[in-house]
Protein backbone atom coordinates (compact mmCIF):
# COMPACT_ATOMS: atom_id res chain seq x y z
CA MET A 1 5.57 35.36 84.13
CA GLN A 2 3.98 37.53 81.45
CA PRO A 3 0.56 39.15 82.00
CA ALA A 4 -2.25 37.09 80.48
CA ILE A 5 -4.96 38.64 78.33
CA ASP A 6 -7.99 36.63 77.26
CA PHE A 7 -7.17 36.90 73.56
CA ASP A 8 -9.30 35.35 70.82
CA ASN A 9 -7.42 36.14 67.62
CA SER A 10 -9.86 35.73 64.74
CA TYR A 11 -7.87 37.79 62.19
CA ALA A 12 -4.87 35.54 62.78
CA ARG A 13 -6.99 32.60 61.62
CA LEU A 14 -7.35 34.11 58.14
CA PRO A 15 -4.96 32.93 55.39
CA GLU A 16 -1.28 33.76 55.74
CA ARG A 17 -1.31 36.23 52.81
CA PHE A 18 -3.44 38.61 54.90
CA PHE A 19 -0.51 39.46 57.18
CA ALA A 20 3.04 38.74 58.27
CA ARG A 21 3.65 37.10 61.64
CA LEU A 22 6.54 38.46 63.69
CA ASP A 23 7.43 39.65 67.17
CA PRO A 24 8.04 43.28 68.16
CA LYS A 25 11.64 44.40 68.27
CA PRO A 26 12.81 44.75 71.90
CA VAL A 27 13.78 48.12 73.34
CA LYS A 28 16.42 49.05 75.88
CA GLN A 29 14.75 50.78 78.80
CA PRO A 30 10.95 50.76 78.68
CA LYS A 31 9.24 53.15 81.03
CA LEU A 32 5.49 53.48 81.49
CA ILE A 33 4.07 56.94 80.75
CA LYS A 34 0.37 56.20 81.14
CA VAL A 35 -2.16 53.38 81.21
CA ASN A 36 -5.78 54.21 80.43
CA GLU A 37 -7.45 52.82 83.54
CA VAL A 38 -11.03 53.27 82.28
CA LEU A 39 -10.33 51.54 78.96
CA ALA A 40 -8.42 48.74 80.68
CA ALA A 41 -11.50 48.06 82.82
CA GLU A 42 -13.75 48.06 79.72
CA LEU A 43 -11.49 45.47 78.14
CA GLY A 44 -11.45 43.33 81.29
CA LEU A 45 -7.70 43.74 81.72
CA ASP A 46 -5.80 43.48 84.99
CA LEU A 47 -4.60 47.06 85.61
CA GLU A 48 -2.08 46.04 88.24
CA ALA A 49 -0.56 43.47 85.89
CA LEU A 50 -0.37 46.02 83.05
CA GLN A 51 1.50 48.45 85.29
CA SER A 52 3.89 45.83 86.63
CA PRO A 53 7.43 45.53 85.22
CA ALA A 54 6.33 42.47 83.25
CA GLY A 55 3.33 44.36 81.91
CA VAL A 56 5.42 47.34 80.86
CA ASN A 57 7.84 44.96 79.15
CA ALA A 58 4.97 43.48 77.16
CA LEU A 59 3.57 46.93 76.28
CA ALA A 60 7.04 47.84 75.01
CA GLY A 61 7.31 44.69 72.89
CA ASN A 62 10.09 43.12 74.95
CA ALA A 63 7.93 40.11 75.75
CA ARG A 64 4.68 38.60 74.53
CA PHE A 65 1.44 38.90 76.38
CA GLU A 66 0.32 35.36 77.06
CA GLY A 67 -2.19 34.43 74.34
CA SER A 68 -1.08 37.07 71.84
CA ASP A 69 -0.27 36.26 68.22
CA PRO A 70 1.52 39.33 66.82
CA LEU A 71 1.09 40.15 63.14
CA ALA A 72 1.47 43.05 60.72
CA MET A 73 -1.59 43.50 58.51
CA ALA A 74 -1.27 43.81 54.74
CA TYR A 75 -3.05 46.60 52.87
CA ALA A 76 -2.62 49.03 49.99
CA GLY A 77 -4.00 52.52 49.42
CA GLN A 78 -4.11 55.83 47.65
CA GLN A 79 -1.88 58.39 49.34
CA PHE A 80 -2.76 61.95 48.29
CA GLY A 81 -4.55 60.33 45.35
CA ASN A 82 -1.52 58.29 44.23
CA TRP A 83 -1.88 54.53 44.10
CA VAL A 84 0.53 52.49 46.26
CA PRO A 85 -0.03 48.74 45.74
CA GLN A 86 1.57 47.64 49.00
CA LEU A 87 1.62 49.54 52.27
CA GLY A 88 0.71 47.48 55.34
CA ASP A 89 1.60 47.91 58.99
CA GLY A 90 5.09 49.33 58.69
CA ARG A 91 5.48 50.15 62.37
CA ALA A 92 2.58 48.40 64.08
CA LEU A 93 1.68 44.90 65.21
CA LEU A 94 -1.75 43.55 66.00
CA LEU A 95 -1.27 41.60 69.22
CA GLY A 96 -4.73 40.06 69.14
CA GLU A 97 -8.37 40.61 69.98
CA VAL A 98 -10.42 40.67 73.16
CA VAL A 99 -14.16 40.74 73.73
CA ASP A 100 -14.92 43.68 76.00
CA ALA A 101 -17.42 44.01 78.84
CA SER A 102 -20.21 44.95 76.43
CA GLY A 103 -19.55 41.96 74.15
CA VAL A 104 -17.74 43.93 71.42
CA ARG A 105 -14.61 42.44 69.85
CA ARG A 106 -11.67 44.87 69.97
CA ASP A 107 -8.17 44.80 68.49
CA ILE A 108 -5.13 45.54 70.65
CA GLN A 109 -2.20 46.83 68.62
CA LEU A 110 1.29 48.15 69.33
CA LYS A 111 2.28 51.19 67.26
CA GLY A 112 5.97 52.02 66.97
CA SER A 113 7.05 48.46 67.80
CA GLY A 114 9.78 48.10 65.16
CA PRO A 115 10.22 47.25 61.48
CA THR A 116 8.00 44.79 59.64
CA PRO A 117 8.05 43.38 56.08
CA PHE A 118 5.86 46.39 55.17
CA SER A 119 8.20 49.08 56.55
CA ARG A 120 9.49 50.17 53.13
CA MET A 121 12.95 51.04 54.51
CA GLY A 122 11.45 52.79 57.56
CA ASP A 123 12.68 52.13 61.08
CA GLY A 124 9.27 50.99 62.34
CA ARG A 125 9.53 53.28 65.33
CA ALA A 126 7.61 56.26 66.66
CA TRP A 127 9.03 59.17 68.54
CA LEU A 128 7.46 60.45 71.72
CA GLY A 129 5.61 63.45 70.25
CA PRO A 130 3.25 61.62 67.86
CA VAL A 131 2.55 58.97 70.51
CA LEU A 132 1.45 61.61 73.02
CA ARG A 133 -0.52 63.47 70.32
CA GLU A 134 -2.43 60.33 69.30
CA TYR A 135 -3.10 59.43 72.93
CA ILE A 136 -4.48 62.90 73.70
CA VAL A 137 -6.52 63.35 70.53
CA SER A 138 -8.00 59.86 70.33
CA GLU A 139 -9.15 59.91 73.95
CA ALA A 140 -10.50 63.45 73.55
CA MET A 141 -12.44 62.33 70.48
CA HIS A 142 -13.96 59.49 72.47
CA ALA A 143 -15.06 61.93 75.17
CA LEU A 144 -16.59 64.10 72.40
CA SER A 145 -18.66 61.07 71.27
CA VAL A 146 -16.76 60.64 68.02
CA PRO A 147 -16.20 56.99 66.96
CA THR A 148 -12.46 56.51 67.23
CA THR A 149 -9.57 54.21 67.93
CA ARG A 150 -8.56 54.42 71.58
CA ALA A 151 -5.29 54.69 73.48
CA LEU A 152 -4.67 52.01 76.10
CA ALA A 153 -1.08 52.87 77.03
CA ALA A 154 2.00 54.90 76.18
CA VAL A 155 5.50 53.65 76.95
CA ALA A 156 8.85 55.38 76.49
CA THR A 157 11.42 53.06 74.90
CA GLY A 158 14.62 54.57 76.28
CA GLU A 159 15.98 54.57 72.73
CA PRO A 160 16.56 57.43 70.28
CA VAL A 161 14.58 57.83 67.06
CA VAL A 162 16.16 59.76 64.20
CA ARG A 163 13.89 62.12 62.27
CA GLU A 164 14.98 65.68 61.41
CA GLU A 165 16.80 65.39 64.74
CA VAL A 166 17.42 62.74 67.37
CA LEU A 167 14.31 62.30 69.51
CA PRO A 168 13.16 59.95 72.29
CA GLY A 169 11.24 56.88 71.17
CA ALA A 170 7.86 55.65 72.41
CA ILE A 171 5.21 53.02 71.72
CA LEU A 172 1.43 53.46 71.75
CA THR A 173 -0.95 50.62 72.55
CA ARG A 174 -3.99 51.25 70.37
CA VAL A 175 -7.46 49.71 70.56
CA SER A 176 -9.99 49.51 67.74
CA ARG A 177 -13.14 47.67 66.75
CA ALA A 178 -11.05 46.54 63.78
CA HIS A 179 -8.00 47.81 61.94
CA ILE A 180 -9.47 46.84 58.54
CA ARG A 181 -9.22 49.71 56.08
CA VAL A 182 -10.51 50.57 52.63
CA GLY A 183 -6.91 49.93 51.60
CA THR A 184 -7.16 46.35 52.92
CA PHE A 185 -9.86 45.63 50.35
CA GLN A 186 -7.88 47.45 47.67
CA TYR A 187 -4.90 45.22 48.41
CA PHE A 188 -6.78 42.07 47.38
CA ALA A 189 -8.74 43.70 44.57
CA ALA A 190 -5.55 45.01 42.94
CA ARG A 191 -4.07 41.49 43.02
CA ARG A 192 -7.26 40.09 41.52
CA ASP A 193 -7.41 37.79 44.51
CA GLY A 194 -11.16 37.21 44.41
CA GLU A 195 -11.01 34.48 47.03
CA GLY A 196 -9.09 36.70 49.46
CA LEU A 197 -11.42 39.63 48.79
CA LYS A 198 -14.47 37.51 49.57
CA GLN A 199 -12.87 36.09 52.71
CA LEU A 200 -12.07 39.61 53.89
CA ALA A 201 -15.59 40.86 53.17
CA ASP A 202 -17.18 37.86 54.90
CA TYR A 203 -14.93 38.41 57.90
CA ALA A 204 -15.73 42.14 58.06
CA ILE A 205 -19.47 41.49 57.83
CA GLU A 206 -19.43 38.81 60.52
CA ARG A 207 -17.35 40.95 62.84
CA LEU A 208 -18.66 44.48 62.29
CA TYR A 209 -22.05 44.23 60.59
CA PRO A 210 -23.42 40.77 61.47
CA HIS A 211 -27.02 41.78 60.70
CA LEU A 212 -26.04 41.82 57.02
CA GLN A 213 -25.43 38.07 56.97
CA VAL A 214 -29.14 37.43 56.38
CA SER A 215 -29.62 40.19 53.80
CA GLU A 216 -30.25 39.49 50.11
CA ASN A 217 -26.92 41.03 49.07
CA PRO A 218 -24.65 41.28 52.13
CA TYR A 219 -21.79 42.85 50.15
CA LEU A 220 -23.98 45.67 48.90
CA GLY A 221 -25.13 46.01 52.49
CA LEU A 222 -21.49 46.29 53.55
CA LEU A 223 -20.95 49.11 51.06
CA ASP A 224 -24.03 50.94 52.36
CA ALA A 225 -23.00 50.43 55.99
CA VAL A 226 -19.48 51.79 55.42
CA ILE A 227 -20.85 54.77 53.47
CA GLU A 228 -23.21 55.64 56.31
CA ALA A 229 -20.56 55.16 59.01
CA GLN A 230 -17.99 57.31 57.20
CA ALA A 231 -20.52 60.04 56.31
CA GLU A 232 -21.59 60.34 59.94
CA LEU A 233 -17.98 60.26 61.17
CA VAL A 234 -16.81 63.09 58.90
CA ALA A 235 -19.93 65.11 59.75
CA LYS A 236 -18.86 64.92 63.41
CA TRP A 237 -15.36 66.11 62.47
CA MET A 238 -16.82 69.07 60.63
CA ASN A 239 -19.11 69.94 63.56
CA LEU A 240 -16.06 70.10 65.82
CA GLY A 241 -13.69 71.97 63.49
CA PHE A 242 -11.42 68.92 63.28
CA ILE A 243 -9.00 68.35 60.39
CA HIS A 244 -7.67 64.81 59.99
CA GLY A 245 -4.84 65.79 57.68
CA VAL A 246 -4.21 62.49 55.84
CA MET A 247 -7.48 61.02 54.57
CA ASN A 248 -5.73 58.45 52.39
CA THR A 249 -7.67 55.25 51.68
CA ASP A 250 -5.30 53.32 53.95
CA ASN A 251 -6.44 55.64 56.77
CA VAL A 252 -10.17 54.97 56.25
CA SER A 253 -11.55 52.41 58.69
CA ILE A 254 -14.51 50.36 57.53
CA ALA A 255 -15.60 50.26 61.18
CA GLY A 256 -16.35 53.98 60.87
CA GLU A 257 -13.75 55.02 63.44
CA ALA A 258 -11.28 57.88 63.18
CA ILE A 259 -7.88 56.24 62.82
CA ASP A 260 -4.24 57.26 62.43
CA TYR A 261 -3.93 60.66 64.07
CA GLY A 262 -0.86 62.02 62.32
CA PRO A 263 -0.80 65.68 61.25
CA CYS A 264 -4.29 66.29 62.63
CA ALA A 265 -5.54 69.38 64.47
CA PHE A 266 -8.60 71.21 65.73
CA MET A 267 -8.98 74.65 64.20
CA ASP A 268 -8.56 77.76 66.29
CA ASP A 269 -9.76 80.74 64.20
CA PHE A 270 -12.20 79.47 61.60
CA HIS A 271 -11.46 79.31 57.91
CA PRO A 272 -13.00 76.72 55.57
CA ASP A 273 -9.73 76.16 53.71
CA ARG A 274 -7.60 75.62 56.81
CA VAL A 275 -4.79 73.08 56.40
CA PHE A 276 -2.43 71.92 59.16
CA SER A 277 -0.52 69.03 57.63
CA SER A 278 3.00 70.03 56.67
CA ILE A 279 2.90 67.61 53.72
CA ASP A 280 -0.46 68.73 52.29
CA GLN A 281 0.98 71.39 50.00
CA HIS A 282 -2.14 71.77 47.83
CA GLY A 283 -4.88 71.56 50.46
CA ARG A 284 -6.25 68.20 49.34
CA TYR A 285 -7.28 67.43 52.91
CA ALA A 286 -8.28 70.94 53.99
CA TYR A 287 -11.21 71.27 56.38
CA SER A 288 -13.80 72.09 53.72
CA ASN A 289 -12.55 69.30 51.43
CA GLN A 290 -13.08 66.51 53.95
CA PRO A 291 -16.65 65.55 52.87
CA ARG A 292 -15.61 65.48 49.20
CA ILE A 293 -12.53 63.38 49.93
CA CYS A 294 -14.59 61.03 52.07
CA HIS A 295 -16.95 60.58 49.11
CA TRP A 296 -13.97 59.93 46.80
CA ASN A 297 -12.52 57.35 49.20
CA LEU A 298 -15.85 55.53 49.31
CA VAL A 299 -15.87 55.37 45.51
CA GLN A 300 -12.53 53.55 45.79
CA PHE A 301 -14.08 51.14 48.28
CA ALA A 302 -17.01 50.49 45.93
CA GLN A 303 -14.62 49.79 43.07
CA ALA A 304 -12.59 47.40 45.24
CA ILE A 305 -15.61 45.23 46.11
CA LEU A 306 -17.46 45.59 42.81
CA SER A 307 -16.82 41.97 41.84
CA LEU A 308 -18.64 40.83 44.99
CA LEU A 309 -21.84 42.73 44.24
CA GLY A 310 -23.01 40.35 41.53
CA ASP A 311 -22.06 38.41 38.41
CA ASP A 312 -23.64 40.99 36.11
CA GLU A 313 -21.00 43.74 35.99
CA LYS A 314 -23.35 46.37 34.57
CA GLN A 315 -25.91 45.72 37.27
CA ALA A 316 -23.21 45.72 39.95
CA VAL A 317 -21.96 49.11 38.76
CA GLU A 318 -25.51 50.51 38.81
CA GLN A 319 -26.09 49.22 42.35
CA ALA A 320 -22.78 50.62 43.57
CA GLN A 321 -23.49 53.98 41.93
CA LEU A 322 -26.86 54.24 43.66
CA SER A 323 -25.17 53.59 47.00
CA ILE A 324 -22.40 56.10 46.31
CA ASN A 325 -24.96 58.69 45.17
CA ALA A 326 -26.65 58.42 48.58
CA PHE A 327 -23.54 59.74 50.36
CA PRO A 328 -24.23 63.51 50.02
CA GLY A 329 -27.72 63.18 51.48
CA ILE A 330 -26.53 61.04 54.40
CA TYR A 331 -23.66 63.40 55.11
CA GLU A 332 -25.70 66.61 54.84
CA LYS A 333 -28.37 65.27 57.19
CA ALA A 334 -25.79 64.20 59.79
CA TYR A 335 -23.87 67.47 59.46
CA GLN A 336 -26.99 69.64 59.73
CA GLN A 337 -28.27 67.71 62.74
CA GLY A 338 -24.94 68.38 64.43
CA MET A 339 -24.93 72.06 63.48
CA ASN A 340 -28.52 72.50 64.62
CA ALA A 341 -27.69 70.99 68.01
CA LYS A 342 -24.81 73.46 68.29
CA LEU A 343 -27.34 76.23 67.61
CA GLY A 344 -29.93 74.88 70.03
CA LEU A 345 -32.28 73.59 67.35
CA THR A 346 -33.77 70.10 67.44
CA GLY A 347 -35.47 69.61 64.08
CA ILE A 348 -34.30 70.52 60.58
CA VAL A 349 -36.38 72.93 58.55
CA GLU A 350 -35.78 74.68 55.26
CA GLY A 351 -33.21 77.45 55.64
CA ASP A 352 -31.29 75.89 58.55
CA ASP A 353 -28.30 75.18 56.31
CA LYS A 354 -28.26 78.81 55.20
CA LEU A 355 -28.49 80.03 58.80
CA ALA A 356 -25.50 77.93 59.86
CA ASN A 357 -23.45 78.88 56.81
CA GLU A 358 -24.07 82.60 57.32
CA LEU A 359 -22.60 82.30 60.80
CA LEU A 360 -19.53 80.45 59.50
CA VAL A 361 -18.96 83.16 56.88
CA LEU A 362 -19.08 85.84 59.58
CA MET A 363 -16.69 83.79 61.72
CA ALA A 364 -14.23 83.42 58.86
CA ASP A 365 -14.38 87.13 58.04
CA SER A 366 -13.58 88.06 61.64
CA LYS A 367 -11.13 85.17 62.26
CA VAL A 368 -13.26 84.02 65.18
CA ASP A 369 -12.22 80.96 67.16
CA PHE A 370 -14.46 78.05 66.10
CA THR A 371 -14.83 76.29 69.45
CA LEU A 372 -14.97 79.42 71.59
CA ALA A 373 -17.59 81.07 69.36
CA PHE A 374 -20.10 78.26 69.67
CA ARG A 375 -19.41 77.81 73.37
CA THR A 376 -19.90 81.54 74.00
CA LEU A 377 -23.15 81.49 72.02
CA SER A 378 -24.32 78.85 74.52
CA GLN A 379 -24.42 81.39 77.34
CA GLN A 380 -27.33 83.56 78.49
CA ASP A 381 -25.43 86.81 77.92
CA LEU A 382 -24.76 87.32 74.21
CA ASP A 383 -22.58 90.41 74.55
CA PRO A 384 -19.30 88.42 74.78
CA PHE A 385 -20.33 86.53 71.65
CA LYS A 386 -21.07 89.71 69.71
CA ALA A 387 -17.78 91.22 70.83
CA MET A 388 -15.90 88.47 68.98
CA PHE A 389 -16.94 89.87 65.57
CA ASP A 390 -15.63 92.84 63.62
CA ASP A 391 -18.88 93.23 61.67
CA THR A 392 -21.29 94.35 64.43
CA SER A 393 -24.25 94.87 62.14
CA GLY A 394 -23.70 91.53 60.44
CA ILE A 395 -23.69 89.51 63.64
CA GLU A 396 -26.64 91.46 65.04
CA ALA A 397 -28.64 90.63 61.91
CA TRP A 398 -27.65 86.99 62.18
CA LEU A 399 -28.66 86.83 65.86
CA GLU A 400 -32.10 88.15 64.98
CA LYS A 401 -32.57 85.35 62.44
CA TRP A 402 -31.26 82.78 64.91
CA GLN A 403 -33.57 83.94 67.70
CA LEU A 404 -36.54 83.97 65.33
CA ARG A 405 -35.74 80.40 64.27
CA GLY A 406 -35.30 79.40 67.92
CA ALA A 407 -38.79 80.66 68.73
CA ASP A 408 -40.14 77.76 66.64
CA GLU A 409 -38.59 75.24 69.03
CA LYS A 410 -40.84 73.63 71.64
CA MET A 411 -38.27 74.15 74.37
CA LEU A 412 -37.67 76.65 77.12
CA ASP A 413 -34.69 78.96 76.63
CA GLU A 414 -32.73 77.19 79.35
CA GLN A 415 -33.38 73.81 77.69
CA ARG A 416 -32.02 75.17 74.43
CA LEU A 417 -28.94 76.51 76.15
CA GLU A 418 -28.40 73.16 77.85
CA LEU A 419 -28.61 71.42 74.46
CA MET A 420 -26.02 73.85 73.13
CA ARG A 421 -23.68 73.42 76.09
CA ASN A 422 -23.87 69.65 75.61
CA SER A 423 -23.07 70.04 71.90
CA ASN A 424 -20.37 72.71 72.06
CA PRO A 425 -17.28 71.67 74.03
CA ALA A 426 -15.49 74.09 76.29
CA TYR A 427 -12.29 72.08 75.84
CA ILE A 428 -10.70 70.53 72.78
CA PRO A 429 -7.13 69.28 72.36
CA ARG A 430 -5.81 72.58 71.09
CA ASN A 431 -2.72 72.32 68.98
CA HIS A 432 -0.60 74.67 71.06
CA ARG A 433 -1.46 72.83 74.28
CA ILE A 434 -0.49 69.50 72.75
CA GLU A 435 2.81 70.99 71.60
CA GLN A 436 3.43 72.40 75.08
CA ALA A 437 2.82 68.97 76.57
CA ILE A 438 5.20 67.38 74.07
CA ARG A 439 7.92 69.95 74.75
CA ALA A 440 7.58 69.39 78.50
CA SER A 441 7.83 65.62 78.00
CA LEU A 442 11.21 66.10 76.32
CA GLU A 443 12.37 67.44 79.71
CA ASP A 444 10.83 64.36 81.38
CA ASP A 445 7.89 66.45 82.65
CA PHE A 446 4.64 64.63 81.86
CA GLU A 447 2.34 66.66 84.09
CA PRO A 448 1.05 68.88 81.23
CA PHE A 449 0.24 65.69 79.29
CA HIS A 450 -1.60 64.16 82.25
CA ARG A 451 -3.45 67.41 83.03
CA LEU A 452 -4.59 67.80 79.44
CA ASN A 453 -5.93 64.25 79.41
CA ARG A 454 -7.80 64.78 82.69
CA VAL A 455 -9.53 67.94 81.51
CA LEU A 456 -10.39 66.57 78.06
CA GLN A 457 -12.30 63.66 79.56
CA ARG A 458 -15.03 66.16 80.55
CA PRO A 459 -15.05 68.45 77.52
CA PHE A 460 -18.56 69.87 77.97
CA GLU A 461 -18.19 70.78 81.66
CA THR A 462 -16.75 74.11 82.76
CA GLN A 463 -13.83 73.20 85.03
CA ALA A 464 -12.74 75.88 87.47
CA ASP A 465 -9.07 74.91 87.42
CA ALA A 466 -8.79 74.71 83.63
CA GLU A 467 -9.77 78.12 82.26
CA ASP A 468 -6.46 78.41 80.43
CA LEU A 469 -7.10 75.22 78.46
CA ALA A 470 -10.30 76.69 77.00
CA LEU A 471 -8.52 79.68 75.49
CA PRO A 472 -7.18 79.94 71.94
CA PRO A 473 -3.45 80.52 71.48
CA GLN A 474 -1.79 83.87 71.76
CA PRO A 475 -0.09 84.93 68.49
CA LYS A 476 3.29 83.63 69.67
CA GLU A 477 1.72 80.29 70.68
CA VAL A 478 0.10 79.49 67.31
CA VAL A 479 1.21 76.16 65.83
CA PRO A 480 0.50 76.47 62.09
CA TYR A 481 1.69 73.04 60.99
CA THR A 482 1.65 69.49 62.29
CA PHE A 483 3.78 66.55 61.20
CA CYS A 484 3.27 62.86 60.54
CA GLY A 485 6.09 61.55 62.69
CA THR A 486 7.29 58.76 60.39
């Protein structure tokens, strides 16, 4: 008897050209690594059933969850700026949708479940490392209040996956408000499938932005909503020193969630041009480029839905351009609000952007750890913070400006410090710690993985038994590059 989930699969009721129906490819020896107990409860799932042999079989794709309707979604996209007319879920299957405890519809998807019609000669599998990385990072992002896909479970397959070497296979069960991407809209627009494009837009509005259904131009409203969601998302990344690594249009969720954690990383020592992805040879998706690339991706979204904005093409272009032109202002406001909170400032006044940027320049010059610098600034004693910088006079001058600006705040010093401690995490999923957890898992030791997940669920609290996880890497521990895993 397979575990039952109260699925209601609305995407599966769309026309057949939106996806390909198929079952996951079975694996030999599935073994449960972790189930996210908190998320399972949010989704109203039976934890005991998920952890049972039948549940693990279903999480591995060896059997269907009762009520599921597996399908691989079709989409296109621009990868590193190059147009690819057909991508789609090449190693993932949407099992179905559930309505969670708060009334929000959520997708449940298997990632690494075998080849699909969109695999493009790939094996459709994932090896253990990227599965653990996505589990750790996505759940850490959630704890950091960043909109994100979630990790429900990780299962080892008991089968090898061949990449540069033979590696153990695994499957991630991923949860999202929707797996619809900018590239999904591009897929229909490129085929001049106006009917499909409208059906997709109507579906997205009803599911994600239902308030737009009564607006004068719901499709223009959809464009504005996605622009705002993406601007605020990337601002949060920048506030945390996070680099996504592959901001292709097929990796841009119109739900405004971070999705597809491939060669991603949180910076250690700060530099605006930091790149971690091993395939990003020219720095297209470097840290400082992320807002610009986000803006570019949204232009592609606007172009994809342009035909829906109105019958008058010239007027539609003008409307879309006005919406696109609003992106920098939305982003800058969200980014500055986040930076000000990190600096213990509540409002935004003229000069705040300059104050924040001056600190980042000093950090880059001294190769100061991004996360540790802001966390150390959140303490009463500023001497450890000053000691992080080579330019003593420069940081002293900056601190004077910062303290003068802070005097304008209508808060006690301790209230400001509390705001800063709640905005500057002590713990992030540092690249070297993730790699250590992955290496240990190859020896069948998952304790570093479990420990990292436990600590990262309380990122703003100082945890007495986790001091080592707050520290940047030693020179020999630095992990300069991350990999996609496909």
